[in-house]
Amino acid sequence: MSSTNKILSDDSGQLWFFGNEYGVTPEIGIMAAHRGIRSSYIDGQFSYEICGVKGQVRDAVWIQTANKKQAILLARTNQPVAYLKK
């Protein structure tokens, strides 16, 4: 079980999902199965890829790198900021 805290989209039709929730009661337990998912639905075909992000993602934003490429900046609870290249 997991939760999604942030959904991003890009101009190519892809959706990016990030989450996890650690601040829940012991009866429910932490929801840490989420590693980030990139999904696409293009020309009638659905596909997805696991991004491999660990930790509780609190926020995610698109940024432009120095070489004009797009990346996703991830703020995680009690962990360093991470980023994913597009």
PDB file of N, CA and C in Angstrom:
ATOM      1  N   MET A   1       0.842  -1.163   0.000  1.00  0.00           N
ATOM      2  CA  MET A   1       0.000   0.000   0.000  1.00  0.00           C
ATOM      3  C   MET A   1       0.892   1.232   0.000  1.00  0.00           C
ATOM      4  N   SER A   2       0.442   2.269  -0.653  1.00  0.00           N
ATOM      5  CA  SER A   2       1.194   3.504  -0.695  1.00  0.00           C
ATOM      6  C   SER A   2       0.265   4.663  -0.982  1.00  0.00           C
ATOM      7  N   SER A   3       0.816   5.862  -0.916  1.00  0.00           N
ATOM      8  CA  SER A   3       0.036   7.046  -1.223  1.00  0.00           C
ATOM      9  C   SER A   3       0.787   7.884  -2.238  1.00  0.00           C
ATOM     10  N   THR A   4       0.062   8.701  -2.975  1.00  0.00           N
ATOM     11  CA  THR A   4       0.671   9.615  -3.932  1.00  0.00           C
ATOM     12  C   THR A   4       0.491  11.025  -3.409  1.00  0.00           C
ATOM     13  N   ASN A   5       1.613  11.733  -3.228  1.00  0.00           N
ATOM     14  CA  ASN A   5       1.581  13.092  -2.714  1.00  0.00           C
ATOM     15  C   ASN A   5       1.724  14.133  -3.807  1.00  0.00           C
ATOM     16  N   LYS A   6       2.310  13.764  -4.940  1.00  0.00           N
ATOM     17  CA  LYS A   6       2.573  14.736  -5.985  1.00  0.00           C
ATOM     18  C   LYS A   6       2.458  14.085  -7.348  1.00  0.00           C
ATOM     19  N   ILE A   7       1.785  14.774  -8.275  1.00  0.00           N
ATOM     20  CA  ILE A   7       1.662  14.318  -9.658  1.00  0.00           C
ATOM     21  C   ILE A   7       2.154  15.444 -10.555  1.00  0.00           C
ATOM     22  N   LEU A   8       3.082  15.117 -11.446  1.00  0.00           N
ATOM     23  CA  LEU A   8       3.591  16.074 -12.426  1.00  0.00           C
ATOM     24  C   LEU A   8       3.278  15.566 -13.818  1.00  0.00           C
ATOM     25  N   SER A   9       3.185  16.471 -14.770  1.00  0.00           N
ATOM     26  CA  SER A   9       3.007  16.076 -16.168  1.00  0.00           C
ATOM     27  C   SER A   9       4.001  16.857 -17.012  1.00  0.00           C
ATOM     28  N   ASP A  10       4.256  16.342 -18.208  1.00  0.00           N
ATOM     29  CA  ASP A  10       5.113  17.073 -19.138  1.00  0.00           C
ATOM     30  C   ASP A  10       4.384  17.212 -20.471  1.00  0.00           C
ATOM     31  N   ASP A  11       5.018  17.873 -21.410  1.00  0.00           N
ATOM     32  CA  ASP A  11       4.360  18.157 -22.683  1.00  0.00           C
ATOM     33  C   ASP A  11       4.366  16.983 -23.656  1.00  0.00           C
ATOM     34  N   SER A  12       4.917  15.845 -23.253  1.00  0.00           N
ATOM     35  CA  SER A  12       4.927  14.670 -24.130  1.00  0.00           C
ATOM     36  C   SER A  12       3.849  13.651 -23.767  1.00  0.00           C
ATOM     37  N   GLY A  13       2.989  13.983 -22.788  1.00  0.00           N
ATOM     38  CA  GLY A  13       1.920  13.068 -22.414  1.00  0.00           C
ATOM     39  C   GLY A  13       2.277  12.120 -21.288  1.00  0.00           C
ATOM     40  N   GLN A  14       3.367  12.363 -20.594  1.00  0.00           N
ATOM     41  CA  GLN A  14       3.765  11.509 -19.486  1.00  0.00           C
ATOM     42  C   GLN A  14       3.284  12.094 -18.170  1.00  0.00           C
ATOM     43  N   LEU A  15       2.964  11.204 -17.237  1.00  0.00           N
ATOM     44  CA  LEU A  15       2.609  11.589 -15.870  1.00  0.00           C
ATOM     45  C   LEU A  15       3.633  10.963 -14.925  1.00  0.00           C
ATOM     46  N   TRP A  16       4.015  11.724 -13.902  1.00  0.00           N
ATOM     47  CA  TRP A  16       4.975  11.281 -12.899  1.00  0.00           C
ATOM     48  C   TRP A  16       4.274  11.310 -11.549  1.00  0.00           C
ATOM     49  N   PHE A  17       4.321  10.198 -10.807  1.00  0.00           N
ATOM     50  CA  PHE A  17       3.661  10.070  -9.506  1.00  0.00           C
ATOM     51  C   PHE A  17       4.726   9.843  -8.428  1.00  0.00           C
ATOM     52  N   PHE A  18       4.643  10.610  -7.342  1.00  0.00           N
ATOM     53  CA  PHE A  18       5.580  10.459  -6.230  1.00  0.00           C
ATOM     54  C   PHE A  18       4.808  10.455  -4.926  1.00  0.00           C
ATOM     55  N   GLY A  19       5.325   9.757  -3.907  1.00  0.00           N
ATOM     56  CA  GLY A  19       4.596   9.727  -2.652  1.00  0.00           C
ATOM     57  C   GLY A  19       5.314   9.065  -1.506  1.00  0.00           C
ATOM     58  N   ASN A  20       4.581   8.258  -0.773  1.00  0.00           N
ATOM     59  CA  ASN A  20       4.893   7.564   0.471  1.00  0.00           C
ATOM     60  C   ASN A  20       4.419   8.396   1.650  1.00  0.00           C
ATOM     61  N   GLU A  21       3.967   7.733   2.659  1.00  0.00           N
ATOM     62  CA  GLU A  21       3.460   8.418   3.850  1.00  0.00           C
ATOM     63  C   GLU A  21       3.933   7.654   5.078  1.00  0.00           C
ATOM     64  N   TYR A  22       4.765   8.287   5.892  1.00  0.00           N
ATOM     65  CA  TYR A  22       5.300   7.646   7.083  1.00  0.00           C
ATOM     66  C   TYR A  22       4.561   8.061   8.351  1.00  0.00           C
ATOM     67  N   GLY A  23       3.882   9.187   8.344  1.00  0.00           N
ATOM     68  CA  GLY A  23       3.252   9.720   9.544  1.00  0.00           C
ATOM     69  C   GLY A  23       1.848   9.203   9.773  1.00  0.00           C
ATOM     70  N   VAL A  24       1.693   7.903   9.898  1.00  0.00           N
ATOM     71  CA  VAL A  24       0.383   7.300  10.151  1.00  0.00           C
ATOM     72  C   VAL A  24       0.444   6.466  11.433  1.00  0.00           C
ATOM     73  N   THR A  25      -0.707   6.066  11.914  1.00  0.00           N
ATOM     74  CA  THR A  25      -0.755   5.309  13.164  1.00  0.00           C
ATOM     75  C   THR A  25      -0.148   3.911  12.999  1.00  0.00           C
ATOM     76  N   PRO A  26       0.347   3.317  14.092  1.00  0.00           N
ATOM     77  CA  PRO A  26       0.944   1.975  14.011  1.00  0.00           C
ATOM     78  C   PRO A  26      -0.028   0.911  13.505  1.00  0.00           C
ATOM     79  N   GLU A  27      -1.321   1.113  13.752  1.00  0.00           N
ATOM     80  CA  GLU A  27      -2.305   0.116  13.293  1.00  0.00           C
ATOM     81  C   GLU A  27      -2.345   0.027  11.770  1.00  0.00           C
ATOM     82  N   ILE A  28      -2.125   1.153  11.123  1.00  0.00           N
ATOM     83  CA  ILE A  28      -2.132   1.177   9.658  1.00  0.00           C
ATOM     84  C   ILE A  28      -0.752   0.843   9.124  1.00  0.00           C
ATOM     85  N   GLY A  29       0.284   1.387   9.747  1.00  0.00           N
ATOM     86  CA  GLY A  29       1.662   1.156   9.306  1.00  0.00           C
ATOM     87  C   GLY A  29       2.059   2.134   8.212  1.00  0.00           C
ATOM     88  N   ILE A  30       3.368   2.284   8.009  1.00  0.00           N
ATOM     89  CA  ILE A  30       3.829   3.220   6.992  1.00  0.00           C
ATOM     90  C   ILE A  30       3.476   2.714   5.600  1.00  0.00           C
ATOM     91  N   MET A  31       3.275   3.655   4.699  1.00  0.00           N
ATOM     92  CA  MET A  31       2.955   3.331   3.314  1.00  0.00           C
ATOM     93  C   MET A  31       4.177   3.672   2.475  1.00  0.00           C
ATOM     94  N   ALA A  32       5.102   2.721   2.368  1.00  0.00           N
ATOM     95  CA  ALA A  32       6.398   2.994   1.752  1.00  0.00           C
ATOM     96  C   ALA A  32       6.689   2.120   0.535  1.00  0.00           C
ATOM     97  N   ALA A  33       5.673   1.655  -0.138  1.00  0.00           N
ATOM     98  CA  ALA A  33       5.894   0.801  -1.296  1.00  0.00           C
ATOM     99  C   ALA A  33       6.124   1.592  -2.573  1.00  0.00           C
ATOM    100  N   HIS A  34       5.895   2.871  -2.527  1.00  0.00           N
ATOM    101  CA  HIS A  34       5.952   3.747  -3.702  1.00  0.00           C
ATOM    102  C   HIS A  34       7.394   4.154  -3.992  1.00  0.00           C
ATOM    103  N   ARG A  35       7.884   3.945  -5.198  1.00  0.00           N
ATOM    104  CA  ARG A  35       9.237   4.350  -5.596  1.00  0.00           C
ATOM    105  C   ARG A  35       9.208   5.391  -6.709  1.00  0.00           C
ATOM    106  N   GLY A  36       8.053   5.964  -6.955  1.00  0.00           N
ATOM    107  CA  GLY A  36       7.902   6.914  -8.056  1.00  0.00           C
ATOM    108  C   GLY A  36       7.597   6.168  -9.344  1.00  0.00           C
ATOM    109  N   ILE A  37       6.636   6.660 -10.083  1.00  0.00           N
ATOM    110  CA  ILE A  37       6.210   5.998 -11.316  1.00  0.00           C
ATOM    111  C   ILE A  37       6.095   7.031 -12.424  1.00  0.00           C
ATOM    112  N   ARG A  38       6.627   6.701 -13.585  1.00  0.00           N
ATOM    113  CA  ARG A  38       6.423   7.516 -14.786  1.00  0.00           C
ATOM    114  C   ARG A  38       5.521   6.710 -15.708  1.00  0.00           C
ATOM    115  N   SER A  39       4.392   7.283 -16.095  1.00  0.00           N
ATOM    116  CA  SER A  39       3.468   6.558 -16.964  1.00  0.00           C
ATOM    117  C   SER A  39       3.182   7.367 -18.212  1.00  0.00           C
ATOM    118  N   SER A  40       2.854   6.643 -19.272  1.00  0.00           N
ATOM    119  CA  SER A  40       2.539   7.265 -20.555  1.00  0.00           C
ATOM    120  C   SER A  40       1.330   6.570 -21.165  1.00  0.00           C
ATOM    121  N   TYR A  41       0.530   7.333 -21.866  1.00  0.00           N
ATOM    122  CA  TYR A  41      -0.546   6.777 -22.681  1.00  0.00           C
ATOM    123  C   TYR A  41      -0.488   7.505 -24.013  1.00  0.00           C
ATOM    124  N   ILE A  42       0.184   6.898 -24.963  1.00  0.00           N
ATOM    125  CA  ILE A  42       0.423   7.514 -26.265  1.00  0.00           C
ATOM    126  C   ILE A  42      -0.016   6.552 -27.360  1.00  0.00           C
ATOM    127  N   ASP A  43      -0.804   7.057 -28.292  1.00  0.00           N
ATOM    128  CA  ASP A  43      -1.301   6.260 -29.425  1.00  0.00           C
ATOM    129  C   ASP A  43      -1.976   4.963 -28.973  1.00  0.00           C
ATOM    130  N   GLY A  44      -2.753   5.040 -27.897  1.00  0.00           N
ATOM    131  CA  GLY A  44      -3.496   3.885 -27.414  1.00  0.00           C
ATOM    132  C   GLY A  44      -2.677   2.877 -26.634  1.00  0.00           C
ATOM    133  N   GLN A  45      -1.436   3.179 -26.349  1.00  0.00           N
ATOM    134  CA  GLN A  45      -0.563   2.266 -25.618  1.00  0.00           C
ATOM    135  C   GLN A  45      -0.232   2.851 -24.244  1.00  0.00           C
ATOM    136  N   PHE A  46      -0.475   2.071 -23.193  1.00  0.00           N
ATOM    137  CA  PHE A  46      -0.134   2.476 -21.839  1.00  0.00           C
ATOM    138  C   PHE A  46       1.186   1.831 -21.452  1.00  0.00           C
ATOM    139  N   SER A  47       2.084   2.613 -20.853  1.00  0.00           N
ATOM    140  CA  SER A  47       3.336   2.051 -20.344  1.00  0.00           C
ATOM    141  C   SER A  47       3.693   2.762 -19.045  1.00  0.00           C
ATOM    142  N   TYR A  48       4.544   2.120 -18.253  1.00  0.00           N
ATOM    143  CA  TYR A  48       5.000   2.745 -17.014  1.00  0.00           C
ATOM    144  C   TYR A  48       6.417   2.278 -16.696  1.00  0.00           C
ATOM    145  N   GLU A  49       7.076   3.056 -15.862  1.00  0.00           N
ATOM    146  CA  GLU A  49       8.436   2.750 -15.433  1.00  0.00           C
ATOM    147  C   GLU A  49       8.579   3.168 -13.970  1.00  0.00           C
ATOM    148  N   ILE A  50       9.220   2.328 -13.170  1.00  0.00           N
ATOM    149  CA  ILE A  50       9.497   2.652 -11.782  1.00  0.00           C
ATOM    150  C   ILE A  50      10.735   3.546 -11.744  1.00  0.00           C
ATOM    151  N   CYS A  51      10.646   4.671 -11.058  1.00  0.00           N
ATOM    152  CA  CYS A  51      11.741   5.651 -11.027  1.00  0.00           C
ATOM    153  C   CYS A  51      12.827   5.317 -10.016  1.00  0.00           C
ATOM    154  N   GLY A  52      12.515   4.569  -8.969  1.00  0.00           N
ATOM    155  CA  GLY A  52      13.514   4.175  -7.975  1.00  0.00           C
ATOM    156  C   GLY A  52      13.785   5.204  -6.895  1.00  0.00           C
ATOM    157  N   VAL A  53      12.843   6.105  -6.653  1.00  0.00           N
ATOM    158  CA  VAL A  53      13.016   7.138  -5.625  1.00  0.00           C
ATOM    159  C   VAL A  53      12.690   6.547  -4.265  1.00  0.00           C
ATOM    160  N   LYS A  54      13.622   6.661  -3.314  1.00  0.00           N
ATOM    161  CA  LYS A  54      13.385   6.163  -1.961  1.00  0.00           C
ATOM    162  C   LYS A  54      13.008   7.321  -1.056  1.00  0.00           C
ATOM    163  N   GLY A  55      12.214   7.027  -0.038  1.00  0.00           N
ATOM    164  CA  GLY A  55      11.871   8.036   0.949  1.00  0.00           C
ATOM    165  C   GLY A  55      10.496   8.638   0.735  1.00  0.00           C
ATOM    166  N   GLN A  56      10.143   9.524   1.640  1.00  0.00           N
ATOM    167  CA  GLN A  56       8.838  10.172   1.640  1.00  0.00           C
ATOM    168  C   GLN A  56       8.938  11.476   0.848  1.00  0.00           C
ATOM    169  N   VAL A  57       8.466  11.452  -0.385  1.00  0.00           N
ATOM    170  CA  VAL A  57       8.507  12.634  -1.239  1.00  0.00           C
ATOM    171  C   VAL A  57       7.407  13.588  -0.803  1.00  0.00           C
ATOM    172  N   ARG A  58       7.797  14.811  -0.462  1.00  0.00           N
ATOM    173  CA  ARG A  58       6.844  15.822   0.001  1.00  0.00           C
ATOM    174  C   ARG A  58       6.459  16.782  -1.101  1.00  0.00           C
ATOM    175  N   ASP A  59       7.389  17.052  -2.022  1.00  0.00           N
ATOM    176  CA  ASP A  59       7.095  17.965  -3.114  1.00  0.00           C
ATOM    177  C   ASP A  59       8.003  17.638  -4.285  1.00  0.00           C
ATOM    178  N   ALA A  60       7.560  18.001  -5.475  1.00  0.00           N
ATOM    179  CA  ALA A  60       8.335  17.774  -6.698  1.00  0.00           C
ATOM    180  C   ALA A  60       8.020  18.901  -7.673  1.00  0.00           C
ATOM    181  N   VAL A  61       9.047  19.412  -8.319  1.00  0.00           N
ATOM    182  CA  VAL A  61       8.879  20.491  -9.295  1.00  0.00           C
ATOM    183  C   VAL A  61       9.798  20.251 -10.486  1.00  0.00           C
ATOM    184  N   TRP A  62       9.382  20.768 -11.638  1.00  0.00           N
ATOM    185  CA  TRP A  62      10.235  20.748 -12.817  1.00  0.00           C
ATOM    186  C   TRP A  62      11.271  21.864 -12.692  1.00  0.00           C
ATOM    187  N   ILE A  63      12.518  21.580 -13.066  1.00  0.00           N
ATOM    188  CA  ILE A  63      13.556  22.597 -13.132  1.00  0.00           C
ATOM    189  C   ILE A  63      14.263  22.476 -14.479  1.00  0.00           C
ATOM    190  N   GLN A  64      14.951  23.540 -14.865  1.00  0.00           N
ATOM    191  CA  GLN A  64      15.770  23.507 -16.066  1.00  0.00           C
ATOM    192  C   GLN A  64      17.230  23.516 -15.638  1.00  0.00           C
ATOM    193  N   THR A  65      18.000  22.554 -16.137  1.00  0.00           N
ATOM    194  CA  THR A  65      19.401  22.451 -15.755  1.00  0.00           C
ATOM    195  C   THR A  65      20.243  23.461 -16.545  1.00  0.00           C
ATOM    196  N   ALA A  66      21.516  23.560 -16.199  1.00  0.00           N
ATOM    197  CA  ALA A  66      22.416  24.513 -16.852  1.00  0.00           C
ATOM    198  C   ALA A  66      22.539  24.259 -18.352  1.00  0.00           C
ATOM    199  N   ASN A  67      22.388  23.001 -18.775  1.00  0.00           N
ATOM    200  CA  ASN A  67      22.480  22.691 -20.204  1.00  0.00           C
ATOM    201  C   ASN A  67      21.107  22.664 -20.884  1.00  0.00           C
ATOM    202  N   LYS A  68      20.139  23.350 -20.278  1.00  0.00           N
ATOM    203  CA  LYS A  68      18.786  23.545 -20.852  1.00  0.00           C
ATOM    204  C   LYS A  68      17.954  22.267 -20.920  1.00  0.00           C
ATOM    205  N   LYS A  69      18.297  21.254 -20.140  1.00  0.00           N
ATOM    206  CA  LYS A  69      17.509  20.016 -20.059  1.00  0.00           C
ATOM    207  C   LYS A  69      16.518  20.130 -18.913  1.00  0.00           C
ATOM    208  N   GLN A  70      15.458  19.344 -18.967  1.00  0.00           N
ATOM    209  CA  GLN A  70      14.460  19.312 -17.902  1.00  0.00           C
ATOM    210  C   GLN A  70      14.814  18.222 -16.894  1.00  0.00           C
ATOM    211  N   ALA A  71      14.565  18.497 -15.626  1.00  0.00           N
ATOM    212  CA  ALA A  71      14.771  17.526 -14.554  1.00  0.00           C
ATOM    213  C   ALA A  71      13.692  17.763 -13.504  1.00  0.00           C
ATOM    214  N   ILE A  72      13.488  16.777 -12.635  1.00  0.00           N
ATOM    215  CA  ILE A  72      12.527  16.904 -11.545  1.00  0.00           C
ATOM    216  C   ILE A  72      13.309  16.992 -10.237  1.00  0.00           C
ATOM    217  N   LEU A  73      13.042  18.029  -9.469  1.00  0.00           N
ATOM    218  CA  LEU A  73      13.653  18.228  -8.166  1.00  0.00           C
ATOM    219  C   LEU A  73      12.692  17.688  -7.115  1.00  0.00           C
ATOM    220  N   LEU A  74      13.179  16.801  -6.232  1.00  0.00           N
ATOM    221  CA  LEU A  74      12.339  16.118  -5.251  1.00  0.00           C
ATOM    222  C   LEU A  74      12.740  16.508  -3.832  1.00  0.00           C
ATOM    223  N   ALA A  75      11.791  17.010  -3.060  1.00  0.00           N
ATOM    224  CA  ALA A  75      12.011  17.295  -1.644  1.00  0.00           C
ATOM    225  C   ALA A  75      11.486  16.111  -0.849  1.00  0.00           C
ATOM    226  N   ARG A  76      12.362  15.517  -0.029  1.00  0.00           N
ATOM    227  CA  ARG A  76      12.003  14.329   0.740  1.00  0.00           C
ATOM    228  C   ARG A  76      12.162  14.613   2.229  1.00  0.00           C
ATOM    229  N   THR A  77      11.347  13.988   3.050  1.00  0.00           N
ATOM    230  CA  THR A  77      11.400  14.175   4.496  1.00  0.00           C
ATOM    231  C   THR A  77      12.671  13.563   5.068  1.00  0.00           C
ATOM    232  N   ASN A  78      13.435  14.354   5.815  1.00  0.00           N
ATOM    233  CA  ASN A  78      14.640  13.913   6.518  1.00  0.00           C
ATOM    234  C   ASN A  78      15.683  13.257   5.613  1.00  0.00           C
ATOM    235  N   GLN A  79      15.719  13.672   4.344  1.00  0.00           N
ATOM    236  CA  GLN A  79      16.709  13.148   3.402  1.00  0.00           C
ATOM    237  C   GLN A  79      17.163  14.281   2.495  1.00  0.00           C
ATOM    238  N   PRO A  80      18.315  14.134   1.854  1.00  0.00           N
ATOM    239  CA  PRO A  80      18.762  15.169   0.936  1.00  0.00           C
ATOM    240  C   PRO A  80      17.801  15.329  -0.239  1.00  0.00           C
ATOM    241  N   VAL A  81      17.814  16.504  -0.818  1.00  0.00           N
ATOM    242  CA  VAL A  81      17.035  16.756  -2.041  1.00  0.00           C
ATOM    243  C   VAL A  81      17.582  15.846  -3.123  1.00  0.00           C
ATOM    244  N   ALA A  82      16.698  15.333  -3.977  1.00  0.00           N
ATOM    245  CA  ALA A  82      17.109  14.449  -5.069  1.00  0.00           C
ATOM    246  C   ALA A  82      16.580  15.034  -6.373  1.00  0.00           C
ATOM    247  N   TYR A  83      17.114  14.529  -7.491  1.00  0.00           N
ATOM    248  CA  TYR A  83      16.572  14.947  -8.780  1.00  0.00           C
ATOM    249  C   TYR A  83      16.589  13.773  -9.748  1.00  0.00           C
ATOM    250  N   LEU A  84      15.684  13.863 -10.710  1.00  0.00           N
ATOM    251  CA  LEU A  84      15.586  12.869 -11.773  1.00  0.00           C
ATOM    252  C   LEU A  84      15.746  13.580 -13.097  1.00  0.00           C
ATOM    253  N   LYS A  85      16.584  13.034 -13.967  1.00  0.00           N
ATOM    254  CA  LYS A  85      16.697  13.573 -15.325  1.00  0.00           C
ATOM    255  C   LYS A  85      15.533  13.056 -16.147  1.00  0.00           C
ATOM    256  N   LYS A  86      15.052  13.883 -17.028  1.00  0.00           N
ATOM    257  CA  LYS A  86      13.934  13.466 -17.892  1.00  0.00           C
ATOM    258  C   LYS A  86      14.432  12.525 -18.957  1.00  0.00           C
TER     259      LYS A  86
END
